[in-house]
Structures are given as structure tokens and as C-alpha cells.
């Protein structure tokens, strides 16, 4: 059974493992082999001065925390069994006086039993200390793993927020680009109408010039006539000139206005294209007339 206990003095979580007599699921044999191999390597790297921690073995063997805990408990028990021999030799004094000195034999046997009990007690104390150390290492490892998971969750949440913000910005910019494209289409249509109107004004100006030339010819032909005819032709000629000047001025003003609108539109489209993300670039290609 595994219980978690909070130490209020040190503010730490202590993992307490107790046996309930029930069968405990053991790791697979290949997992145990990896745990033992990792523990031996780390033990050698430490100069066999201190046992490796459960978390270090877990990372080196690439196993889960439960398997690492179970495997390290067996590995440490094996290490302690190697260090303390279980065999007890009966002293020679007991063999020599066993027949005649039963009391002494009993005392010596009690002493030997006491020594064996002391050795067993020391081994049990050592195993208990190792188990407490293992519990503490497990608690530290769980705390470290929880901190890593929390850090990962915070990083993923921040990345998701940034992605959502970038998507919203890209959507807004795409809307602006679509609006600018629609405006460009409207201005191009207006420019086409202005061009047609300018052509019409140019045609009218040419007609006025022809009429002016014709008036000059008529004026020259009627020069021999009276003053009234001359004045009439002069008035007509002046009117034709005024119409021609007005048509030319109107034509130039409309042409300048159309060119100014086209320049402003190109500046707006260029500014919007510069702010659109790279993935939206295909929408910014426009054919300029």
C-alpha cells in the first residue's frame, strides 16, 4: 500500500509504502533487467559510495515510476544481502565442552544467537533506512515530475493562446485585403469609365478644332464681306475657342484625378500586403492595369 503524508515542518510530501500481504504486480523481466543495468552503471559512476536515486534510474532505464520503485527495492535488497553473509559458524569452544559443560554451551549459544539477532536487526534497520530513503526519493521524483508537467501545461497554454491570437490577426488582415481588393475593382471600373469619357472629350476637342478650322476658312472667305459678317464670324470663332479650352481643361482635370486615385489605391494595397502573414501571400497578388 502506498500512502502520501505531508510534513508540515518541511512542507514536503512523504511517500510511505507498507505491505498488506496482497500480491504486488512485478515489472516484466526485460524491464527489471534494464533497471538493474541502469542501477549498476550509476552505482559504479558514483564510485559505489551511494546508491543511485529512483528518479535517476527511472530516467536512465526509461521506465515508469512504479516499475522503477519496485525494481530499485529488489536491487537494494540484493546489494544488502551481498554485504551481510547469512552463514553463522559455531565457535570451537562449544564443540569441545558440549558434553560436560552444558551450561557454558547454553551461554555460548545464547551469545551466538544474540549476535545473529543483532546482525539480523542491523540488516533490518539498514533495509528500513533504505526503504525510507527510497520513499523520500520517490516523493521528490513525483514532485519534480509534477513540476515538469505543470511547466509543460503552462507552455502549451501560452502557445495555444499565441496561435489563436495569430489566427485572429490573420483573419482580420485577410478581411482588410478582401475589402481593398473590392475597392480596387471599383476604382478600376471607375478608371475605365473615366478613360472612356476622356476619349469622348478628346474626340469632342478634335471636332471643335475642326470646326474652328472651318470657321477660319469661312472667315477668310467672308473677309471681303461687311463688318457685320466679320463680327458674326469672330463671335462664333471666339465661342468655339472657349468651348475648346473648357473641354481641354475638363479633360486634364479628370485625367489628373484618375491618376491620383490610382496612386492612392496602389499605396493602400502595398501597405496591406506588407502586414499580411506569409501564409496569406497568395491573396496579395493583384494584376495592375
Foldseek 3Di string as FASTA:
>chain_A
DWDWDADPVVRFIFIDDDDPPDDDDADDPVLLVLLLVLQVVVCVVVVVPDGDALLSSCVSSVDDSVNSLRSVLVNVLVVLPVVQDLDDDQDPVCVVCVVPCVVVNVVSVVVSVVVNVVSVVVSVVVSVVVVSVRRVSSRVSVVVVVVVVVVVVVVVVVVVVVVVVLVVVLVVLVVVLVVLVVVVVVLVVVLVVLVVVLVVLVVVLVVLVVVLVVLVVVLVVCVVPDPVVNVVSVVVNVVSVVVNVVSVVVSVVSVVVSVVVVVVSVVSLVVSLVPRDPVCNVSSDDDDD
